[in-house]
Amino acid sequence: MTESTMAAGHIAAWMERYQAAWASNRPEDIGGLFTGDAVYETRPHDPHPWRGRQEITDRWLAARDEPGAWSFTWELLGTDGATAFVQGVTVYVEGPSYENLWVVRMDGSGRAAAFTEWFMERSKGPAPGTQLLG
């Protein structure tokens, strides 16, 4: 697979595996998503990113969501070489909902070498300045 098609060829399967790992919280499912030297940033320019498969797995499990506590939908915004851009919505059964933007840099085997997420809590009402028609 060439660099220009790498992310496009892997991202859908990777997203399925990511959601399965999120639901299972099984270390082998989580670790299998990432290269051995991957970097996982829970926000852009994270001063303390999770580095390497083992740290990613350990920190994921320390902050895990329990199965059935959330739902997630996503769409692929685009790809550029080995990088995929994913927009998602996370809805927690008992909690806030979030808009997500993920930047995932894939390697040739379908694992993520780098992952950065942005997440913003969804507004509970109309956006500021919005006029309600009645």
N, C-alpha and C. Protein backbone atom coordinates (compact mmCIF):
# COMPACT_ATOMS: atom_id res chain seq x y z
N MET A 1 0.86 -1.17 0.00
CA MET A 1 0.00 0.00 0.00
C MET A 1 0.90 1.23 0.00
N THR A 2 0.63 2.17 -0.85
CA THR A 2 1.46 3.36 -0.92
C THR A 2 1.11 4.32 0.19
N GLU A 3 2.04 5.22 0.48
CA GLU A 3 1.82 6.25 1.50
C GLU A 3 0.54 7.03 1.21
N SER A 4 0.25 7.29 -0.07
CA SER A 4 -0.90 8.13 -0.41
C SER A 4 -2.24 7.46 -0.11
N THR A 5 -2.26 6.13 0.00
CA THR A 5 -3.52 5.44 0.27
C THR A 5 -3.53 4.70 1.61
N MET A 6 -2.45 4.84 2.37
CA MET A 6 -2.31 4.05 3.59
C MET A 6 -3.46 4.27 4.57
N ALA A 7 -3.74 5.49 4.94
CA ALA A 7 -4.79 5.76 5.93
C ALA A 7 -6.15 5.36 5.39
N ALA A 8 -6.43 5.68 4.14
CA ALA A 8 -7.73 5.35 3.56
C ALA A 8 -7.97 3.85 3.57
N GLY A 9 -6.91 3.07 3.38
CA GLY A 9 -7.05 1.62 3.34
C GLY A 9 -7.19 0.96 4.70
N HIS A 10 -6.87 1.68 5.76
CA HIS A 10 -6.87 1.07 7.09
C HIS A 10 -7.86 1.67 8.09
N ILE A 11 -8.31 2.88 7.89
CA ILE A 11 -9.01 3.58 8.96
C ILE A 11 -10.35 2.95 9.35
N ALA A 12 -11.14 2.46 8.41
CA ALA A 12 -12.44 1.89 8.77
C ALA A 12 -12.27 0.67 9.68
N ALA A 13 -11.37 -0.22 9.34
CA ALA A 13 -11.13 -1.40 10.16
C ALA A 13 -10.54 -0.99 11.52
N TRP A 14 -9.66 0.01 11.51
CA TRP A 14 -9.07 0.48 12.76
C TRP A 14 -10.14 1.07 13.67
N MET A 15 -11.07 1.82 13.11
CA MET A 15 -12.15 2.40 13.91
C MET A 15 -13.04 1.31 14.50
N GLU A 16 -13.29 0.26 13.75
CA GLU A 16 -14.06 -0.87 14.30
C GLU A 16 -13.33 -1.50 15.48
N ARG A 17 -12.01 -1.70 15.31
CA ARG A 17 -11.22 -2.29 16.38
C ARG A 17 -11.12 -1.36 17.59
N TYR A 18 -11.05 -0.05 17.33
CA TYR A 18 -11.00 0.92 18.43
C TYR A 18 -12.28 0.84 19.26
N GLN A 19 -13.43 0.82 18.60
CA GLN A 19 -14.69 0.74 19.33
C GLN A 19 -14.82 -0.59 20.07
N ALA A 20 -14.33 -1.65 19.48
CA ALA A 20 -14.36 -2.95 20.16
C ALA A 20 -13.47 -2.92 21.40
N ALA A 21 -12.30 -2.29 21.30
CA ALA A 21 -11.41 -2.17 22.46
C ALA A 21 -12.03 -1.29 23.53
N TRP A 22 -12.69 -0.22 23.11
CA TRP A 22 -13.37 0.69 24.04
C TRP A 22 -14.45 -0.07 24.80
N ALA A 23 -15.14 -0.96 24.12
CA ALA A 23 -16.22 -1.73 24.74
C ALA A 23 -15.70 -2.87 25.61
N SER A 24 -14.59 -3.48 25.22
CA SER A 24 -14.09 -4.65 25.94
C SER A 24 -13.14 -4.31 27.08
N ASN A 25 -12.36 -3.24 26.91
CA ASN A 25 -11.30 -2.88 27.84
C ASN A 25 -10.30 -4.02 28.03
N ARG A 26 -10.16 -4.85 27.03
CA ARG A 26 -9.18 -5.94 27.08
C ARG A 26 -7.83 -5.39 26.66
N PRO A 27 -6.79 -5.57 27.47
CA PRO A 27 -5.47 -5.03 27.14
C PRO A 27 -4.97 -5.41 25.74
N GLU A 28 -5.23 -6.65 25.33
CA GLU A 28 -4.75 -7.07 24.00
C GLU A 28 -5.49 -6.34 22.88
N ASP A 29 -6.77 -6.00 23.09
CA ASP A 29 -7.53 -5.24 22.10
C ASP A 29 -6.99 -3.81 22.00
N ILE A 30 -6.71 -3.21 23.15
CA ILE A 30 -6.20 -1.84 23.18
C ILE A 30 -4.81 -1.80 22.56
N GLY A 31 -3.92 -2.62 23.04
CA GLY A 31 -2.54 -2.63 22.56
C GLY A 31 -2.43 -2.93 21.08
N GLY A 32 -3.32 -3.78 20.57
CA GLY A 32 -3.29 -4.15 19.17
C GLY A 32 -3.60 -3.00 18.22
N LEU A 33 -4.13 -1.92 18.73
CA LEU A 33 -4.44 -0.76 17.90
C LEU A 33 -3.20 0.06 17.55
N PHE A 34 -2.15 -0.07 18.34
CA PHE A 34 -1.03 0.86 18.27
C PHE A 34 0.30 0.17 18.00
N THR A 35 1.21 0.91 17.36
CA THR A 35 2.57 0.42 17.17
C THR A 35 3.27 0.41 18.52
N GLY A 36 4.37 -0.29 18.61
CA GLY A 36 5.11 -0.38 19.87
C GLY A 36 5.58 0.97 20.39
N ASP A 37 5.86 1.89 19.49
CA ASP A 37 6.37 3.21 19.89
C ASP A 37 5.36 4.33 19.63
N ALA A 38 4.09 3.99 19.57
CA ALA A 38 3.05 4.98 19.28
C ALA A 38 2.99 6.07 20.34
N VAL A 39 2.45 7.21 19.93
CA VAL A 39 2.20 8.34 20.83
C VAL A 39 0.72 8.65 20.78
N TYR A 40 0.09 8.73 21.97
CA TYR A 40 -1.34 9.00 22.11
C TYR A 40 -1.47 10.31 22.88
N GLU A 41 -2.00 11.32 22.22
CA GLU A 41 -2.20 12.61 22.85
C GLU A 41 -3.69 12.79 23.14
N THR A 42 -4.03 13.02 24.41
CA THR A 42 -5.42 13.20 24.78
C THR A 42 -5.90 14.63 24.50
N ARG A 43 -5.00 15.44 24.02
CA ARG A 43 -5.31 16.79 23.54
C ARG A 43 -4.12 17.25 22.69
N PRO A 44 -4.33 18.20 21.79
CA PRO A 44 -3.23 18.65 20.95
C PRO A 44 -2.06 19.20 21.78
N HIS A 45 -0.87 18.89 21.36
CA HIS A 45 0.35 19.37 22.02
C HIS A 45 0.38 18.99 23.50
N ASP A 46 -0.12 17.81 23.79
CA ASP A 46 -0.18 17.30 25.15
C ASP A 46 1.24 17.28 25.75
N PRO A 47 1.44 17.92 26.90
CA PRO A 47 2.79 17.90 27.48
C PRO A 47 3.16 16.53 28.06
N HIS A 48 2.17 15.66 28.26
CA HIS A 48 2.43 14.33 28.82
C HIS A 48 1.70 13.27 28.01
N PRO A 49 2.06 13.09 26.74
CA PRO A 49 1.37 12.08 25.94
C PRO A 49 1.68 10.69 26.46
N TRP A 50 0.80 9.78 26.10
CA TRP A 50 1.01 8.37 26.43
C TRP A 50 1.96 7.82 25.38
N ARG A 51 3.06 7.21 25.78
CA ARG A 51 4.08 6.76 24.84
C ARG A 51 4.26 5.24 24.91
N GLY A 52 4.16 4.63 23.77
CA GLY A 52 4.37 3.19 23.68
C GLY A 52 3.11 2.41 24.00
N ARG A 53 3.05 1.22 23.42
CA ARG A 53 1.87 0.37 23.55
C ARG A 53 1.50 0.09 25.00
N GLN A 54 2.48 -0.20 25.86
CA GLN A 54 2.18 -0.56 27.24
C GLN A 54 1.62 0.63 28.02
N GLU A 55 2.24 1.81 27.87
CA GLU A 55 1.72 2.98 28.59
C GLU A 55 0.34 3.37 28.07
N ILE A 56 0.14 3.29 26.77
CA ILE A 56 -1.18 3.59 26.21
C ILE A 56 -2.23 2.66 26.83
N THR A 57 -1.93 1.39 26.87
CA THR A 57 -2.87 0.41 27.44
C THR A 57 -3.13 0.70 28.92
N ASP A 58 -2.07 0.92 29.67
CA ASP A 58 -2.21 1.15 31.11
C ASP A 58 -3.03 2.41 31.40
N ARG A 59 -2.76 3.49 30.68
CA ARG A 59 -3.46 4.74 30.95
C ARG A 59 -4.89 4.70 30.42
N TRP A 60 -5.11 4.01 29.32
CA TRP A 60 -6.48 3.81 28.81
C TRP A 60 -7.31 3.12 29.89
N LEU A 61 -6.75 2.02 30.44
CA LEU A 61 -7.49 1.25 31.44
C LEU A 61 -7.70 2.05 32.73
N ALA A 62 -6.78 2.90 33.08
CA ALA A 62 -6.93 3.73 34.28
C ALA A 62 -8.08 4.73 34.13
N ALA A 63 -8.36 5.13 32.89
CA ALA A 63 -9.41 6.12 32.62
C ALA A 63 -10.59 5.51 31.87
N ARG A 64 -10.70 4.20 31.87
CA ARG A 64 -11.66 3.49 31.02
C ARG A 64 -13.11 3.88 31.26
N ASP A 65 -13.86 3.73 30.19
CA ASP A 65 -15.31 3.83 30.25
C ASP A 65 -15.85 2.41 30.31
N GLU A 66 -16.86 2.21 31.11
CA GLU A 66 -17.43 0.88 31.23
C GLU A 66 -18.32 0.56 30.03
N PRO A 67 -18.38 -0.71 29.64
CA PRO A 67 -19.25 -1.11 28.52
C PRO A 67 -20.69 -0.70 28.78
N GLY A 68 -21.34 -0.22 27.74
CA GLY A 68 -22.74 0.17 27.84
C GLY A 68 -22.96 1.57 28.39
N ALA A 69 -21.88 2.25 28.81
CA ALA A 69 -22.01 3.58 29.39
C ALA A 69 -21.93 4.68 28.34
N TRP A 70 -21.72 4.32 27.10
CA TRP A 70 -21.51 5.31 26.06
C TRP A 70 -21.97 4.77 24.71
N SER A 71 -22.14 5.69 23.77
CA SER A 71 -22.31 5.33 22.37
C SER A 71 -21.43 6.28 21.56
N PHE A 72 -21.07 5.85 20.37
CA PHE A 72 -20.15 6.64 19.56
C PHE A 72 -20.53 6.48 18.10
N THR A 73 -20.60 7.58 17.40
CA THR A 73 -20.78 7.57 15.95
C THR A 73 -19.64 8.38 15.34
N TRP A 74 -19.28 8.05 14.13
CA TRP A 74 -18.16 8.74 13.51
C TRP A 74 -18.31 8.79 12.00
N GLU A 75 -17.55 9.71 11.41
CA GLU A 75 -17.43 9.76 9.96
C GLU A 75 -16.01 10.16 9.62
N LEU A 76 -15.55 9.67 8.51
CA LEU A 76 -14.22 10.00 8.02
C LEU A 76 -14.30 11.34 7.29
N LEU A 77 -13.55 12.31 7.78
CA LEU A 77 -13.52 13.62 7.12
C LEU A 77 -12.58 13.61 5.92
N GLY A 78 -11.52 12.82 6.02
CA GLY A 78 -10.58 12.75 4.91
C GLY A 78 -9.29 12.09 5.34
N THR A 79 -8.42 11.92 4.37
CA THR A 79 -7.11 11.35 4.63
C THR A 79 -6.06 12.16 3.87
N ASP A 80 -4.86 12.08 4.36
CA ASP A 80 -3.71 12.69 3.69
C ASP A 80 -2.54 11.76 3.93
N GLY A 81 -2.22 10.96 2.93
CA GLY A 81 -1.14 9.99 3.09
C GLY A 81 -1.46 8.99 4.18
N ALA A 82 -0.63 8.97 5.21
CA ALA A 82 -0.79 8.01 6.30
C ALA A 82 -1.69 8.54 7.41
N THR A 83 -2.28 9.72 7.23
CA THR A 83 -3.06 10.35 8.28
C THR A 83 -4.54 10.39 7.93
N ALA A 84 -5.37 10.00 8.91
CA ALA A 84 -6.83 10.04 8.75
C ALA A 84 -7.39 11.07 9.73
N PHE A 85 -8.47 11.72 9.30
CA PHE A 85 -9.16 12.72 10.11
C PHE A 85 -10.58 12.24 10.34
N VAL A 86 -10.93 12.03 11.60
CA VAL A 86 -12.21 11.43 11.97
C VAL A 86 -12.99 12.40 12.86
N GLN A 87 -14.26 12.59 12.53
CA GLN A 87 -15.14 13.39 13.37
C GLN A 87 -16.12 12.43 14.04
N GLY A 88 -16.33 12.60 15.33
CA GLY A 88 -17.22 11.70 16.04
C GLY A 88 -18.06 12.42 17.08
N VAL A 89 -19.01 11.69 17.59
CA VAL A 89 -19.85 12.16 18.70
C VAL A 89 -19.90 11.04 19.73
N THR A 90 -19.53 11.36 20.96
CA THR A 90 -19.60 10.42 22.07
C THR A 90 -20.73 10.87 22.99
N VAL A 91 -21.64 9.95 23.26
CA VAL A 91 -22.77 10.24 24.14
C VAL A 91 -22.67 9.28 25.32
N TYR A 92 -22.58 9.85 26.52
CA TYR A 92 -22.55 9.04 27.73
C TYR A 92 -23.97 8.93 28.29
N VAL A 93 -24.34 7.73 28.73
CA VAL A 93 -25.67 7.47 29.25
C VAL A 93 -25.94 8.37 30.45
N GLU A 94 -24.98 8.47 31.34
CA GLU A 94 -25.13 9.29 32.53
C GLU A 94 -24.02 10.34 32.56
N GLY A 95 -24.10 11.28 31.65
CA GLY A 95 -23.06 12.30 31.63
C GLY A 95 -23.16 13.13 30.38
N PRO A 96 -22.14 13.92 30.16
CA PRO A 96 -22.16 14.81 29.01
C PRO A 96 -21.93 14.06 27.70
N SER A 97 -22.14 14.78 26.64
CA SER A 97 -21.84 14.30 25.29
C SER A 97 -20.72 15.16 24.73
N TYR A 98 -19.96 14.59 23.82
CA TYR A 98 -18.80 15.29 23.28
C TYR A 98 -18.75 15.23 21.77
N GLU A 99 -18.30 16.33 21.18
CA GLU A 99 -17.89 16.37 19.77
C GLU A 99 -16.42 15.98 19.77
N ASN A 100 -16.02 15.13 18.85
CA ASN A 100 -14.64 14.65 18.78
C ASN A 100 -14.03 14.92 17.42
N LEU A 101 -12.76 15.23 17.42
CA LEU A 101 -11.96 15.24 16.21
C LEU A 101 -10.71 14.45 16.51
N TRP A 102 -10.47 13.43 15.72
CA TRP A 102 -9.30 12.57 15.91
C TRP A 102 -8.41 12.67 14.68
N VAL A 103 -7.12 12.74 14.94
CA VAL A 103 -6.11 12.68 13.90
C VAL A 103 -5.31 11.41 14.17
N VAL A 104 -5.36 10.48 13.22
CA VAL A 104 -4.75 9.17 13.40
C VAL A 104 -3.72 8.96 12.30
N ARG A 105 -2.45 8.81 12.68
CA ARG A 105 -1.40 8.52 11.70
C ARG A 105 -1.13 7.02 11.73
N MET A 106 -1.40 6.37 10.61
CA MET A 106 -1.32 4.92 10.49
C MET A 106 0.07 4.48 10.04
N ASP A 107 0.42 3.24 10.39
CA ASP A 107 1.60 2.62 9.80
C ASP A 107 1.12 1.65 8.72
N GLY A 108 2.00 0.98 8.07
CA GLY A 108 1.64 0.09 6.96
C GLY A 108 0.89 -1.16 7.36
N SER A 109 0.85 -1.49 8.67
CA SER A 109 0.18 -2.71 9.12
C SER A 109 -1.22 -2.46 9.64
N GLY A 110 -1.70 -1.21 9.59
CA GLY A 110 -3.04 -0.91 10.08
C GLY A 110 -3.08 -0.52 11.54
N ARG A 111 -1.93 -0.24 12.12
CA ARG A 111 -1.89 0.23 13.51
C ARG A 111 -1.65 1.74 13.51
N ALA A 112 -2.01 2.37 14.61
CA ALA A 112 -1.77 3.81 14.74
C ALA A 112 -0.37 4.04 15.32
N ALA A 113 0.39 4.88 14.65
CA ALA A 113 1.69 5.30 15.15
C ALA A 113 1.55 6.57 15.99
N ALA A 114 0.50 7.34 15.71
CA ALA A 114 0.22 8.56 16.48
C ALA A 114 -1.28 8.79 16.47
N PHE A 115 -1.77 9.27 17.60
CA PHE A 115 -3.20 9.53 17.76
C PHE A 115 -3.34 10.80 18.59
N THR A 116 -4.09 11.75 18.07
CA THR A 116 -4.38 12.99 18.81
C THR A 116 -5.88 13.19 18.78
N GLU A 117 -6.44 13.51 19.94
CA GLU A 117 -7.87 13.76 20.01
C GLU A 117 -8.15 15.15 20.53
N TRP A 118 -9.20 15.72 19.99
CA TRP A 118 -9.80 16.93 20.50
C TRP A 118 -11.20 16.51 20.92
N PHE A 119 -11.65 16.96 22.08
CA PHE A 119 -13.04 16.68 22.47
C PHE A 119 -13.60 17.91 23.16
N MET A 120 -14.80 18.25 22.78
CA MET A 120 -15.48 19.42 23.30
C MET A 120 -16.87 19.00 23.76
N GLU A 121 -17.24 19.41 24.96
CA GLU A 121 -18.55 19.06 25.46
C GLU A 121 -19.61 19.72 24.60
N ARG A 122 -20.64 18.94 24.27
CA ARG A 122 -21.75 19.46 23.47
C ARG A 122 -22.60 20.39 24.33
N SER A 123 -23.09 21.41 23.71
CA SER A 123 -23.95 22.37 24.38
C SER A 123 -25.24 21.68 24.82
N LYS A 124 -25.73 22.05 25.99
CA LYS A 124 -26.97 21.47 26.48
C LYS A 124 -28.19 22.23 25.99
N GLY A 125 -27.98 23.38 25.42
CA GLY A 125 -29.08 24.20 24.92
C GLY A 125 -28.66 24.85 23.62
N PRO A 126 -29.40 25.85 23.20
CA PRO A 126 -29.03 26.53 21.96
C PRO A 126 -27.69 27.24 22.11
N ALA A 127 -27.00 27.36 21.01
CA ALA A 127 -25.72 28.04 21.01
C ALA A 127 -25.90 29.49 21.45
N PRO A 128 -24.91 30.06 22.12
CA PRO A 128 -25.01 31.45 22.53
C PRO A 128 -25.35 32.33 21.33
N GLY A 129 -26.26 33.27 21.54
CA GLY A 129 -26.64 34.18 20.46
C GLY A 129 -27.70 33.64 19.53
N THR A 130 -28.12 32.38 19.75
CA THR A 130 -29.13 31.78 18.88
C THR A 130 -30.51 32.31 19.28
N GLN A 131 -31.26 32.70 18.29
CA GLN A 131 -32.64 33.14 18.53
C GLN A 131 -33.58 31.98 18.31
N LEU A 132 -34.40 31.72 19.28
CA LEU A 132 -35.38 30.65 19.14
C LEU A 132 -36.62 31.21 18.46
N LEU A 133 -37.10 30.49 17.49
CA LEU A 133 -38.31 30.92 16.79
C LEU A 133 -39.51 30.28 17.49
N GLY A 134 -40.53 31.03 17.70
CA GLY A 134 -41.65 30.44 18.41
C GLY A 134 -42.88 30.95 17.88
